[in-house]
């Protein structure tokens, strides 16, 4: 078990994960690269909600991990993904902290780096 240092310091930090409850998709260069009825919606502090797609609902054949990483004290280390020629359009937490274990392996997309998230 790996607990979050962020939640250890701020146990009341507002972060929730729940099923999105609707069909959602992501388009890039006119192509659907993710489509799911099982996406998760994360609401964190004052940030806009973020959809996390299960990898089986993402066109992983078009994806490649990049060398970019980042660290969040509430979620853990993020890996970034390219789709075709678009680098770092998505990120995932392969081994997130226990408090957010539900998003493990799911991919989230930057709204301003894809055509649309519907």
PDB file of N, CA and C in Angstrom:
ATOM      1  N   UNK A   1       0.843  -1.198   0.000  1.00  0.00           N
ATOM      2  CA  UNK A   1       0.000   0.000   0.000  1.00  0.00           C
ATOM      3  C   UNK A   1       0.876   1.245   0.000  1.00  0.00           C
ATOM      4  N   UNK A   2       0.505   2.186  -0.846  1.00  0.00           N
ATOM      5  CA  UNK A   2       1.227   3.449  -0.913  1.00  0.00           C
ATOM      6  C   UNK A   2       0.220   4.567  -0.697  1.00  0.00           C
ATOM      7  N   UNK A   3       0.384   5.254   0.412  1.00  0.00           N
ATOM      8  CA  UNK A   3      -0.547   6.337   0.711  1.00  0.00           C
ATOM      9  C   UNK A   3      -0.018   7.663   0.186  1.00  0.00           C
ATOM     10  N   UNK A   4      -0.934   8.553  -0.071  1.00  0.00           N
ATOM     11  CA  UNK A   4      -0.632   9.842  -0.659  1.00  0.00           C
ATOM     12  C   UNK A   4      -0.030  10.805   0.362  1.00  0.00           C
ATOM     13  N   UNK A   5       1.133  11.408   0.054  1.00  0.00           N
ATOM     14  CA  UNK A   5       1.666  12.428   0.957  1.00  0.00           C
ATOM     15  C   UNK A   5       0.785  13.681   0.968  1.00  0.00           C
ATOM     16  N   UNK A   6       0.083  13.917  -0.146  1.00  0.00           N
ATOM     17  CA  UNK A   6      -0.813  15.071  -0.214  1.00  0.00           C
ATOM     18  C   UNK A   6      -1.957  14.943   0.768  1.00  0.00           C
ATOM     19  N   UNK A   7      -2.605  13.775   0.793  1.00  0.00           N
ATOM     20  CA  UNK A   7      -3.713  13.570   1.723  1.00  0.00           C
ATOM     21  C   UNK A   7      -3.227  13.477   3.171  1.00  0.00           C
ATOM     22  N   UNK A   8      -1.977  13.042   3.370  1.00  0.00           N
ATOM     23  CA  UNK A   8      -1.420  13.018   4.733  1.00  0.00           C
ATOM     24  C   UNK A   8      -1.318  14.445   5.283  1.00  0.00           C
ATOM     25  N   UNK A   9      -0.950  15.394   4.403  1.00  0.00           N
ATOM     26  CA  UNK A   9      -0.840  16.793   4.821  1.00  0.00           C
ATOM     27  C   UNK A   9      -2.189  17.507   4.830  1.00  0.00           C
ATOM     28  N   UNK A  10      -3.050  17.153   3.890  1.00  0.00           N
ATOM     29  CA  UNK A  10      -4.357  17.816   3.749  1.00  0.00           C
ATOM     30  C   UNK A  10      -5.449  16.745   3.639  1.00  0.00           C
ATOM     31  N   UNK A  11      -5.828  16.140   4.741  1.00  0.00           N
ATOM     32  CA  UNK A  11      -6.805  15.036   4.676  1.00  0.00           C
ATOM     33  C   UNK A  11      -8.173  15.459   4.148  1.00  0.00           C
ATOM     34  N   UNK A  12      -8.506  16.730   4.189  1.00  0.00           N
ATOM     35  CA  UNK A  12      -9.803  17.201   3.708  1.00  0.00           C
ATOM     36  C   UNK A  12      -9.744  17.750   2.282  1.00  0.00           C
ATOM     37  N   UNK A  13      -8.657  17.483   1.564  1.00  0.00           N
ATOM     38  CA  UNK A  13      -8.512  17.968   0.195  1.00  0.00           C
ATOM     39  C   UNK A  13      -9.667  17.415  -0.635  1.00  0.00           C
ATOM     40  N   UNK A  14     -10.389  18.299  -1.363  1.00  0.00           N
ATOM     41  CA  UNK A  14     -11.562  17.837  -2.120  1.00  0.00           C
ATOM     42  C   UNK A  14     -11.181  17.128  -3.429  1.00  0.00           C
ATOM     43  N   UNK A  15     -11.319  15.811  -3.448  1.00  0.00           N
ATOM     44  CA  UNK A  15     -11.061  15.018  -4.634  1.00  0.00           C
ATOM     45  C   UNK A  15     -12.010  13.826  -4.607  1.00  0.00           C
ATOM     46  N   UNK A  16     -12.829  13.706  -5.641  1.00  0.00           N
ATOM     47  CA  UNK A  16     -13.755  12.574  -5.727  1.00  0.00           C
ATOM     48  C   UNK A  16     -13.640  11.926  -7.100  1.00  0.00           C
ATOM     49  N   UNK A  17     -13.891  10.627  -7.138  1.00  0.00           N
ATOM     50  CA  UNK A  17     -13.904   9.864  -8.374  1.00  0.00           C
ATOM     51  C   UNK A  17     -15.201   9.081  -8.393  1.00  0.00           C
ATOM     52  N   UNK A  18     -15.920   9.198  -9.512  1.00  0.00           N
ATOM     53  CA  UNK A  18     -17.171   8.448  -9.651  1.00  0.00           C
ATOM     54  C   UNK A  18     -17.385   8.122 -11.121  1.00  0.00           C
ATOM     55  N   UNK A  19     -18.244   7.153 -11.426  1.00  0.00           N
ATOM     56  CA  UNK A  19     -18.544   6.881 -12.834  1.00  0.00           C
ATOM     57  C   UNK A  19     -19.097   8.127 -13.512  1.00  0.00           C
ATOM     58  N   UNK A  20     -18.694   8.347 -14.761  1.00  0.00           N
ATOM     59  CA  UNK A  20     -19.188   9.512 -15.500  1.00  0.00           C
ATOM     60  C   UNK A  20     -20.693   9.402 -15.721  1.00  0.00           C
ATOM     61  N   UNK A  21     -21.200   8.181 -15.850  1.00  0.00           N
ATOM     62  CA  UNK A  21     -22.637   7.976 -15.972  1.00  0.00           C
ATOM     63  C   UNK A  21     -23.211   8.311 -17.336  1.00  0.00           C
ATOM     64  N   UNK A  22     -22.344   8.397 -18.354  1.00  0.00           N
ATOM     65  CA  UNK A  22     -22.802   8.703 -19.702  1.00  0.00           C
ATOM     66  C   UNK A  22     -21.730   8.228 -20.694  1.00  0.00           C
ATOM     67  N   UNK A  23     -22.131   8.095 -21.935  1.00  0.00           N
ATOM     68  CA  UNK A  23     -21.173   7.759 -22.983  1.00  0.00           C
ATOM     69  C   UNK A  23     -20.337   9.001 -23.296  1.00  0.00           C
ATOM     70  N   UNK A  24     -19.034   8.832 -23.406  1.00  0.00           N
ATOM     71  CA  UNK A  24     -18.126   9.942 -23.699  1.00  0.00           C
ATOM     72  C   UNK A  24     -17.112   9.489 -24.746  1.00  0.00           C
ATOM     73  N   UNK A  25     -16.585  10.459 -25.480  1.00  0.00           N
ATOM     74  CA  UNK A  25     -15.591  10.128 -26.502  1.00  0.00           C
ATOM     75  C   UNK A  25     -14.586  11.262 -26.650  1.00  0.00           C
ATOM     76  N   UNK A  26     -13.472  10.924 -27.290  1.00  0.00           N
ATOM     77  CA  UNK A  26     -12.410  11.894 -27.577  1.00  0.00           C
ATOM     78  C   UNK A  26     -12.085  11.792 -29.059  1.00  0.00           C
ATOM     79  N   UNK A  27     -12.013  12.954 -29.723  1.00  0.00           N
ATOM     80  CA  UNK A  27     -11.641  13.013 -31.130  1.00  0.00           C
ATOM     81  C   UNK A  27     -10.342  13.792 -31.283  1.00  0.00           C
ATOM     82  N   UNK A  28      -9.490  13.269 -32.146  1.00  0.00           N
ATOM     83  CA  UNK A  28      -8.222  13.922 -32.473  1.00  0.00           C
ATOM     84  C   UNK A  28      -8.008  13.774 -33.976  1.00  0.00           C
ATOM     85  N   UNK A  29      -7.715  14.884 -34.643  1.00  0.00           N
ATOM     86  CA  UNK A  29      -7.523  14.886 -36.100  1.00  0.00           C
ATOM     87  C   UNK A  29      -8.708  14.231 -36.812  1.00  0.00           C
ATOM     88  N   UNK A  30      -9.910  14.478 -36.289  1.00  0.00           N
ATOM     89  CA  UNK A  30     -11.127  13.973 -36.907  1.00  0.00           C
ATOM     90  C   UNK A  30     -11.450  12.517 -36.617  1.00  0.00           C
ATOM     91  N   UNK A  31     -10.598  11.830 -35.864  1.00  0.00           N
ATOM     92  CA  UNK A  31     -10.789  10.410 -35.557  1.00  0.00           C
ATOM     93  C   UNK A  31     -11.139  10.218 -34.088  1.00  0.00           C
ATOM     94  N   UNK A  32     -12.021   9.275 -33.805  1.00  0.00           N
ATOM     95  CA  UNK A  32     -12.331   8.931 -32.417  1.00  0.00           C
ATOM     96  C   UNK A  32     -11.191   8.068 -31.894  1.00  0.00           C
ATOM     97  N   UNK A  33     -10.521   8.542 -30.840  1.00  0.00           N
ATOM     98  CA  UNK A  33      -9.410   7.772 -30.256  1.00  0.00           C
ATOM     99  C   UNK A  33      -9.791   7.167 -28.905  1.00  0.00           C
ATOM    100  N   UNK A  34     -10.940   7.568 -28.379  1.00  0.00           N
ATOM    101  CA  UNK A  34     -11.437   6.977 -27.133  1.00  0.00           C
ATOM    102  C   UNK A  34     -12.951   7.103 -27.129  1.00  0.00           C
ATOM    103  N   UNK A  35     -13.617   6.049 -26.689  1.00  0.00           N
ATOM    104  CA  UNK A  35     -15.067   6.050 -26.585  1.00  0.00           C
ATOM    105  C   UNK A  35     -15.458   5.077 -25.486  1.00  0.00           C
ATOM    106  N   UNK A  36     -16.223   5.554 -24.515  1.00  0.00           N
ATOM    107  CA  UNK A  36     -16.498   4.706 -23.356  1.00  0.00           C
ATOM    108  C   UNK A  36     -17.833   5.022 -22.697  1.00  0.00           C
ATOM    109  N   UNK A  37     -18.431   3.997 -22.161  1.00  0.00           N
ATOM    110  CA  UNK A  37     -19.576   4.145 -21.266  1.00  0.00           C
ATOM    111  C   UNK A  37     -19.140   3.855 -19.838  1.00  0.00           C
ATOM    112  N   UNK A  38     -17.825   3.620 -19.658  1.00  0.00           N
ATOM    113  CA  UNK A  38     -17.282   3.266 -18.348  1.00  0.00           C
ATOM    114  C   UNK A  38     -16.221   4.244 -17.850  1.00  0.00           C
ATOM    115  N   UNK A  39     -16.195   5.441 -18.402  1.00  0.00           N
ATOM    116  CA  UNK A  39     -15.215   6.439 -17.968  1.00  0.00           C
ATOM    117  C   UNK A  39     -15.513   6.873 -16.535  1.00  0.00           C
ATOM    118  N   UNK A  40     -14.476   7.327 -15.877  1.00  0.00           N
ATOM    119  CA  UNK A  40     -14.596   7.866 -14.520  1.00  0.00           C
ATOM    120  C   UNK A  40     -14.439   9.374 -14.583  1.00  0.00           C
ATOM    121  N   UNK A  41     -15.146  10.069 -13.711  1.00  0.00           N
ATOM    122  CA  UNK A  41     -15.033  11.524 -13.630  1.00  0.00           C
ATOM    123  C   UNK A  41     -14.390  11.890 -12.306  1.00  0.00           C
ATOM    124  N   UNK A  42     -13.279  12.623 -12.397  1.00  0.00           N
ATOM    125  CA  UNK A  42     -12.594  13.095 -11.196  1.00  0.00           C
ATOM    126  C   UNK A  42     -12.907  14.576 -11.016  1.00  0.00           C
ATOM    127  N   UNK A  43     -13.312  14.910  -9.820  1.00  0.00           N
ATOM    128  CA  UNK A  43     -13.491  16.312  -9.440  1.00  0.00           C
ATOM    129  C   UNK A  43     -12.468  16.582  -8.341  1.00  0.00           C
ATOM    130  N   UNK A  44     -11.640  17.601  -8.603  1.00  0.00           N
ATOM    131  CA  UNK A  44     -10.535  17.903  -7.700  1.00  0.00           C
ATOM    132  C   UNK A  44     -10.467  19.400  -7.448  1.00  0.00           C
ATOM    133  N   UNK A  45     -10.636  19.751  -6.187  1.00  0.00           N
ATOM    134  CA  UNK A  45     -10.528  21.154  -5.757  1.00  0.00           C
ATOM    135  C   UNK A  45     -11.307  22.059  -6.711  1.00  0.00           C
ATOM    136  N   UNK A  46     -10.670  23.128  -7.192  1.00  0.00           N
ATOM    137  CA  UNK A  46     -11.334  24.087  -8.070  1.00  0.00           C
ATOM    138  C   UNK A  46     -11.065  23.830  -9.546  1.00  0.00           C
ATOM    139  N   UNK A  47     -10.456  22.668  -9.873  1.00  0.00           N
ATOM    140  CA  UNK A  47     -10.165  22.340 -11.270  1.00  0.00           C
ATOM    141  C   UNK A  47     -11.435  21.864 -11.974  1.00  0.00           C
ATOM    142  N   UNK A  48     -11.500  22.029 -13.299  1.00  0.00           N
ATOM    143  CA  UNK A  48     -12.635  21.460 -14.042  1.00  0.00           C
ATOM    144  C   UNK A  48     -12.618  19.933 -13.911  1.00  0.00           C
ATOM    145  N   UNK A  49     -13.771  19.281 -14.005  1.00  0.00           N
ATOM    146  CA  UNK A  49     -13.794  17.811 -13.946  1.00  0.00           C
ATOM    147  C   UNK A  49     -12.945  17.201 -15.053  1.00  0.00           C
ATOM    148  N   UNK A  50     -12.351  16.047 -14.764  1.00  0.00           N
ATOM    149  CA  UNK A  50     -11.512  15.337 -15.736  1.00  0.00           C
ATOM    150  C   UNK A  50     -12.075  13.933 -15.920  1.00  0.00           C
ATOM    151  N   UNK A  51     -12.191  13.516 -17.182  1.00  0.00           N
ATOM    152  CA  UNK A  51     -12.654  12.167 -17.495  1.00  0.00           C
ATOM    153  C   UNK A  51     -11.453  11.248 -17.660  1.00  0.00           C
ATOM    154  N   UNK A  52     -11.506  10.094 -17.032  1.00  0.00           N
ATOM    155  CA  UNK A  52     -10.469   9.061 -17.143  1.00  0.00           C
ATOM    156  C   UNK A  52     -11.075   7.859 -17.859  1.00  0.00           C
ATOM    157  N   UNK A  53     -10.483   7.500 -19.014  1.00  0.00           N
ATOM    158  CA  UNK A  53     -10.989   6.425 -19.857  1.00  0.00           C
ATOM    159  C   UNK A  53     -10.251   5.119 -19.570  1.00  0.00           C
ATOM    160  N   UNK A  54     -10.978   4.011 -19.419  1.00  0.00           N
ATOM    161  CA  UNK A  54     -10.303   2.715 -19.281  1.00  0.00           C
ATOM    162  C   UNK A  54      -9.491   2.431 -20.549  1.00  0.00           C
ATOM    163  N   UNK A  55      -8.308   1.840 -20.419  1.00  0.00           N
ATOM    164  CA  UNK A  55      -7.461   1.627 -21.603  1.00  0.00           C
ATOM    165  C   UNK A  55      -8.126   0.767 -22.675  1.00  0.00           C
ATOM    166  N   UNK A  56      -9.020  -0.136 -22.290  1.00  0.00           N
ATOM    167  CA  UNK A  56      -9.689  -0.960 -23.297  1.00  0.00           C
ATOM    168  C   UNK A  56     -10.661  -0.151 -24.157  1.00  0.00           C
ATOM    169  N   UNK A  57     -10.971   1.076 -23.749  1.00  0.00           N
ATOM    170  CA  UNK A  57     -11.854   1.948 -24.513  1.00  0.00           C
ATOM    171  C   UNK A  57     -11.099   3.050 -25.252  1.00  0.00           C
ATOM    172  N   UNK A  58      -9.774   2.908 -25.312  1.00  0.00           N
ATOM    173  CA  UNK A  58      -8.896   3.877 -25.982  1.00  0.00           C
ATOM    174  C   UNK A  58      -8.170   3.153 -27.115  1.00  0.00           C
ATOM    175  N   UNK A  59      -7.973   3.820 -28.232  1.00  0.00           N
ATOM    176  CA  UNK A  59      -7.231   3.234 -29.358  1.00  0.00           C
ATOM    177  C   UNK A  59      -5.744   3.203 -29.003  1.00  0.00           C
ATOM    178  N   UNK A  60      -5.356   2.198 -28.228  1.00  0.00           N
ATOM    179  CA  UNK A  60      -3.979   2.115 -27.762  1.00  0.00           C
ATOM    180  C   UNK A  60      -3.014   1.754 -28.894  1.00  0.00           C
ATOM    181  N   UNK A  61      -3.532   1.245 -30.019  1.00  0.00           N
ATOM    182  CA  UNK A  61      -2.672   0.973 -31.174  1.00  0.00           C
ATOM    183  C   UNK A  61      -2.119   2.276 -31.762  1.00  0.00           C
ATOM    184  N   UNK A  62      -2.833   3.376 -31.554  1.00  0.00           N
ATOM    185  CA  UNK A  62      -2.384   4.685 -32.044  1.00  0.00           C
ATOM    186  C   UNK A  62      -1.589   5.441 -30.984  1.00  0.00           C
ATOM    187  N   UNK A  63      -1.454   4.858 -29.801  1.00  0.00           N
ATOM    188  CA  UNK A  63      -0.811   5.550 -28.674  1.00  0.00           C
ATOM    189  C   UNK A  63       0.618   5.063 -28.461  1.00  0.00           C
ATOM    190  N   UNK A  64       1.431   5.954 -27.928  1.00  0.00           N
ATOM    191  CA  UNK A  64       2.793   5.603 -27.515  1.00  0.00           C
ATOM    192  C   UNK A  64       3.142   6.464 -26.310  1.00  0.00           C
ATOM    193  N   UNK A  65       3.723   5.842 -25.319  1.00  0.00           N
ATOM    194  CA  UNK A  65       4.161   6.577 -24.133  1.00  0.00           C
ATOM    195  C   UNK A  65       5.321   7.487 -24.517  1.00  0.00           C
ATOM    196  N   UNK A  66       5.328   8.694 -23.971  1.00  0.00           N
ATOM    197  CA  UNK A  66       6.446   9.608 -24.201  1.00  0.00           C
ATOM    198  C   UNK A  66       7.359   9.564 -22.977  1.00  0.00           C
ATOM    199  N   UNK A  67       8.422  10.330 -23.013  1.00  0.00           N
ATOM    200  CA  UNK A  67       9.341  10.368 -21.876  1.00  0.00           C
ATOM    201  C   UNK A  67       8.895  11.346 -20.795  1.00  0.00           C
ATOM    202  N   UNK A  68       7.830  12.086 -21.054  1.00  0.00           N
ATOM    203  CA  UNK A  68       7.342  13.080 -20.097  1.00  0.00           C
ATOM    204  C   UNK A  68       6.717  12.402 -18.878  1.00  0.00           C
ATOM    205  N   UNK A  69       7.027  12.913 -17.712  1.00  0.00           N
ATOM    206  CA  UNK A  69       6.397  12.473 -16.469  1.00  0.00           C
ATOM    207  C   UNK A  69       6.129  13.701 -15.610  1.00  0.00           C
ATOM    208  N   UNK A  70       5.243  13.546 -14.652  1.00  0.00           N
ATOM    209  CA  UNK A  70       5.007  14.596 -13.666  1.00  0.00           C
ATOM    210  C   UNK A  70       4.582  13.920 -12.371  1.00  0.00           C
ATOM    211  N   UNK A  71       4.546  14.693 -11.305  1.00  0.00           N
ATOM    212  CA  UNK A  71       4.193  14.134 -10.003  1.00  0.00           C
ATOM    213  C   UNK A  71       3.126  14.992  -9.345  1.00  0.00           C
ATOM    214  N   UNK A  72       2.104  14.340  -8.835  1.00  0.00           N
ATOM    215  CA  UNK A  72       1.056  14.992  -8.054  1.00  0.00           C
ATOM    216  C   UNK A  72       1.079  14.382  -6.655  1.00  0.00           C
ATOM    217  N   UNK A  73       1.130  15.191  -5.599  1.00  0.00           N
ATOM    218  CA  UNK A  73       1.185  14.629  -4.251  1.00  0.00           C
ATOM    219  C   UNK A  73      -0.105  13.917  -3.838  1.00  0.00           C
ATOM    220  N   UNK A  74      -1.173  14.088  -4.603  1.00  0.00           N
ATOM    221  CA  UNK A  74      -2.444  13.426  -4.289  1.00  0.00           C
ATOM    222  C   UNK A  74      -2.684  12.184  -5.137  1.00  0.00           C
ATOM    223  N   UNK A  75      -2.082  12.139  -6.334  1.00  0.00           N
ATOM    224  CA  UNK A  75      -2.336  11.017  -7.239  1.00  0.00           C
ATOM    225  C   UNK A  75      -1.106  10.166  -7.513  1.00  0.00           C
ATOM    226  N   UNK A  76       0.064  10.748  -7.563  1.00  0.00           N
ATOM    227  CA  UNK A  76       1.283   9.983  -7.818  1.00  0.00           C
ATOM    228  C   UNK A  76       1.983  10.441  -9.074  1.00  0.00           C
ATOM    229  N   UNK A  77       2.752   9.530  -9.679  1.00  0.00           N
ATOM    230  CA  UNK A  77       3.529   9.857 -10.870  1.00  0.00           C
ATOM    231  C   UNK A  77       2.704   9.573 -12.122  1.00  0.00           C
ATOM    232  N   UNK A  78       2.645  10.573 -12.986  1.00  0.00           N
ATOM    233  CA  UNK A  78       1.892  10.449 -14.239  1.00  0.00           C
ATOM    234  C   UNK A  78       2.837  10.174 -15.400  1.00  0.00           C
ATOM    235  N   UNK A  79       2.370   9.332 -16.312  1.00  0.00           N
ATOM    236  CA  UNK A  79       3.034   9.085 -17.587  1.00  0.00           C
ATOM    237  C   UNK A  79       2.212   9.783 -18.660  1.00  0.00           C
ATOM    238  N   UNK A  80       2.866  10.175 -19.746  1.00  0.00           N
ATOM    239  CA  UNK A  80       2.179  10.905 -20.803  1.00  0.00           C
ATOM    240  C   UNK A  80       2.209  10.108 -22.104  1.00  0.00           C
ATOM    241  N   UNK A  81       1.210  10.384 -22.933  1.00  0.00           N
ATOM    242  CA  UNK A  81       0.990   9.598 -24.146  1.00  0.00           C
ATOM    243  C   UNK A  81       0.848  10.485 -25.369  1.00  0.00           C
ATOM    244  N   UNK A  82       1.360  10.002 -26.486  1.00  0.00           N
ATOM    245  CA  UNK A  82       1.191  10.640 -27.780  1.00  0.00           C
ATOM    246  C   UNK A  82       0.211   9.797 -28.572  1.00  0.00           C
ATOM    247  N   UNK A  83      -0.499  10.441 -29.488  1.00  0.00           N
ATOM    248  CA  UNK A  83      -1.364   9.766 -30.440  1.00  0.00           C
ATOM    249  C   UNK A  83      -0.989  10.293 -31.804  1.00  0.00           C
ATOM    250  N   UNK A  84      -0.494   9.396 -32.650  1.00  0.00           N
ATOM    251  CA  UNK A  84       0.026   9.785 -33.953  1.00  0.00           C
ATOM    252  C   UNK A  84       1.092  10.861 -33.755  1.00  0.00           C
ATOM    253  N   UNK A  85       0.917  12.043 -34.336  1.00  0.00           N
ATOM    254  CA  UNK A  85       1.945  13.088 -34.220  1.00  0.00           C
ATOM    255  C   UNK A  85       1.700  14.054 -33.069  1.00  0.00           C
ATOM    256  N   UNK A  86       0.652  13.843 -32.309  1.00  0.00           N
ATOM    257  CA  UNK A  86       0.305  14.767 -31.224  1.00  0.00           C
ATOM    258  C   UNK A  86       0.895  14.248 -29.907  1.00  0.00           C
ATOM    259  N   UNK A  87       1.931  14.917 -29.427  1.00  0.00           N
ATOM    260  CA  UNK A  87       2.624  14.476 -28.213  1.00  0.00           C
ATOM    261  C   UNK A  87       1.941  14.989 -26.949  1.00  0.00           C
ATOM    262  N   UNK A  88       1.980  14.163 -25.933  1.00  0.00           N
ATOM    263  CA  UNK A  88       1.510  14.525 -24.592  1.00  0.00           C
ATOM    264  C   UNK A  88       0.066  15.042 -24.589  1.00  0.00           C
ATOM    265  N   UNK A  89      -0.811  14.361 -25.314  1.00  0.00           N
ATOM    266  CA  UNK A  89      -2.223  14.744 -25.316  1.00  0.00           C
ATOM    267  C   UNK A  89      -2.998  14.042 -24.207  1.00  0.00           C
ATOM    268  N   UNK A  90      -2.400  13.001 -23.638  1.00  0.00           N
ATOM    269  CA  UNK A  90      -3.070  12.246 -22.573  1.00  0.00           C
ATOM    270  C   UNK A  90      -2.071  11.913 -21.485  1.00  0.00           C
ATOM    271  N   UNK A  91      -2.598  11.609 -20.315  1.00  0.00           N
ATOM    272  CA  UNK A  91      -1.752  11.166 -19.213  1.00  0.00           C
ATOM    273  C   UNK A  91      -2.461  10.032 -18.480  1.00  0.00           C
ATOM    274  N   UNK A  92      -1.676   9.276 -17.716  1.00  0.00           N
ATOM    275  CA  UNK A  92      -2.244   8.205 -16.912  1.00  0.00           C
ATOM    276  C   UNK A  92      -1.382   8.017 -15.663  1.00  0.00           C
ATOM    277  N   UNK A  93      -1.993   7.447 -14.667  1.00  0.00           N
ATOM    278  CA  UNK A  93      -1.305   7.065 -13.432  1.00  0.00           C
ATOM    279  C   UNK A  93      -1.305   5.545 -13.398  1.00  0.00           C
ATOM    280  N   UNK A  94      -0.164   4.944 -13.683  1.00  0.00           N
ATOM    281  CA  UNK A  94      -0.088   3.485 -13.730  1.00  0.00           C
ATOM    282  C   UNK A  94      -0.154   2.871 -12.339  1.00  0.00           C
ATOM    283  N   UNK A  95       0.426   3.530 -11.366  1.00  0.00           N
ATOM    284  CA  UNK A  95       0.426   3.034  -9.985  1.00  0.00           C
ATOM    285  C   UNK A  95       0.100   4.209  -9.053  1.00  0.00           C
ATOM    286  N   UNK A  96      -1.142   4.681  -9.093  1.00  0.00           N
ATOM    287  CA  UNK A  96      -1.491   5.847  -8.268  1.00  0.00           C
ATOM    288  C   UNK A  96      -1.516   5.493  -6.789  1.00  0.00           C
ATOM    289  N   UNK A  97      -1.561   6.525  -5.977  1.00  0.00           N
ATOM    290  CA  UNK A  97      -1.678   6.307  -4.539  1.00  0.00           C
ATOM    291  C   UNK A  97      -2.996   5.609  -4.221  1.00  0.00           C
ATOM    292  N   UNK A  98      -3.022   4.922  -3.097  1.00  0.00           N
ATOM    293  CA  UNK A  98      -4.185   4.118  -2.703  1.00  0.00           C
ATOM    294  C   UNK A  98      -5.492   4.899  -2.718  1.00  0.00           C
ATOM    295  N   UNK A  99      -5.438   6.156  -2.328  1.00  0.00           N
ATOM    296  CA  UNK A  99      -6.659   6.958  -2.226  1.00  0.00           C
ATOM    297  C   UNK A  99      -7.357   7.165  -3.570  1.00  0.00           C
ATOM    298  N   UNK A 100      -6.624   7.019  -4.664  1.00  0.00           N
ATOM    299  CA  UNK A 100      -7.189   7.209  -6.001  1.00  0.00           C
ATOM    300  C   UNK A 100      -6.926   5.987  -6.888  1.00  0.00           C
ATOM    301  N   UNK A 101      -6.857   4.827  -6.282  1.00  0.00           N
ATOM    302  CA  UNK A 101      -6.514   3.595  -6.997  1.00  0.00           C
ATOM    303  C   UNK A 101      -7.448   3.309  -8.166  1.00  0.00           C
ATOM    304  N   UNK A 102      -8.670   3.807  -8.135  1.00  0.00           N
ATOM    305  CA  UNK A 102      -9.637   3.545  -9.194  1.00  0.00           C
ATOM    306  C   UNK A 102      -9.230   4.049 -10.566  1.00  0.00           C
ATOM    307  N   UNK A 103      -8.319   5.027 -10.635  1.00  0.00           N
ATOM    308  CA  UNK A 103      -7.908   5.560 -11.939  1.00  0.00           C
ATOM    309  C   UNK A 103      -6.673   4.854 -12.501  1.00  0.00           C
ATOM    310  N   UNK A 104      -6.185   3.839 -11.828  1.00  0.00           N
ATOM    311  CA  UNK A 104      -4.973   3.143 -12.281  1.00  0.00           C
ATOM    312  C   UNK A 104      -5.121   2.697 -13.733  1.00  0.00           C
ATOM    313  N   UNK A 105      -4.169   3.103 -14.566  1.00  0.00           N
ATOM    314  CA  UNK A 105      -4.143   2.707 -15.960  1.00  0.00           C
ATOM    315  C   UNK A 105      -5.091   3.448 -16.877  1.00  0.00           C
ATOM    316  N   UNK A 106      -6.028   4.206 -16.326  1.00  0.00           N
ATOM    317  CA  UNK A 106      -6.967   4.978 -17.144  1.00  0.00           C
ATOM    318  C   UNK A 106      -6.245   6.171 -17.772  1.00  0.00           C
ATOM    319  N   UNK A 107      -6.721   6.616 -18.931  1.00  0.00           N
ATOM    320  CA  UNK A 107      -6.122   7.765 -19.602  1.00  0.00           C
ATOM    321  C   UNK A 107      -7.057   8.960 -19.556  1.00  0.00           C
ATOM    322  N   UNK A 108      -6.476  10.121 -19.303  1.00  0.00           N
ATOM    323  CA  UNK A 108      -7.192  11.392 -19.328  1.00  0.00           C
ATOM    324  C   UNK A 108      -6.575  12.237 -20.436  1.00  0.00           C
ATOM    325  N   UNK A 109      -7.394  13.084 -21.056  1.00  0.00           N
ATOM    326  CA  UNK A 109      -6.957  13.857 -22.214  1.00  0.00           C
ATOM    327  C   UNK A 109      -7.052  15.345 -21.934  1.00  0.00           C
ATOM    328  N   UNK A 110      -6.064  16.094 -22.433  1.00  0.00           N
ATOM    329  CA  UNK A 110      -6.105  17.549 -22.339  1.00  0.00           C
ATOM    330  C   UNK A 110      -7.134  18.074 -23.328  1.00  0.00           C
ATOM    331  N   UNK A 111      -8.153  18.795 -22.867  1.00  0.00           N
ATOM    332  CA  UNK A 111      -9.183  19.299 -23.787  1.00  0.00           C
ATOM    333  C   UNK A 111      -8.630  20.220 -24.871  1.00  0.00           C
ATOM    334  N   UNK A 112      -7.575  20.958 -24.575  1.00  0.00           N
ATOM    335  CA  UNK A 112      -7.033  21.897 -25.561  1.00  0.00           C
ATOM    336  C   UNK A 112      -6.022  21.258 -26.519  1.00  0.00           C
ATOM    337  N   UNK A 113      -5.775  19.950 -26.377  1.00  0.00           N
ATOM    338  CA  UNK A 113      -4.830  19.268 -27.264  1.00  0.00           C
ATOM    339  C   UNK A 113      -5.504  18.234 -28.154  1.00  0.00           C
ATOM    340  N   UNK A 114      -6.828  18.099 -28.025  1.00  0.00           N
ATOM    341  CA  UNK A 114      -7.606  17.203 -28.877  1.00  0.00           C
ATOM    342  C   UNK A 114      -8.691  18.036 -29.552  1.00  0.00           C
ATOM    343  N   UNK A 115      -9.345  17.463 -30.545  1.00  0.00           N
ATOM    344  CA  UNK A 115     -10.431  18.190 -31.225  1.00  0.00           C
ATOM    345  C   UNK A 115     -11.599  18.419 -30.290  1.00  0.00           C
ATOM    346  N   UNK A 116     -11.993  17.362 -29.580  1.00  0.00           N
ATOM    347  CA  UNK A 116     -13.166  17.471 -28.705  1.00  0.00           C
ATOM    348  C   UNK A 116     -13.199  16.312 -27.732  1.00  0.00           C
ATOM    349  N   UNK A 117     -13.772  16.585 -26.581  1.00  0.00           N
ATOM    350  CA  UNK A 117     -14.141  15.554 -25.623  1.00  0.00           C
ATOM    351  C   UNK A 117     -15.651  15.716 -25.452  1.00  0.00           C
ATOM    352  N   UNK A 118     -16.400  14.741 -25.953  1.00  0.00           N
ATOM    353  CA  UNK A 118     -17.862  14.814 -25.944  1.00  0.00           C
ATOM    354  C   UNK A 118     -18.445  13.862 -24.903  1.00  0.00           C
TER     355      UNK A 118
END
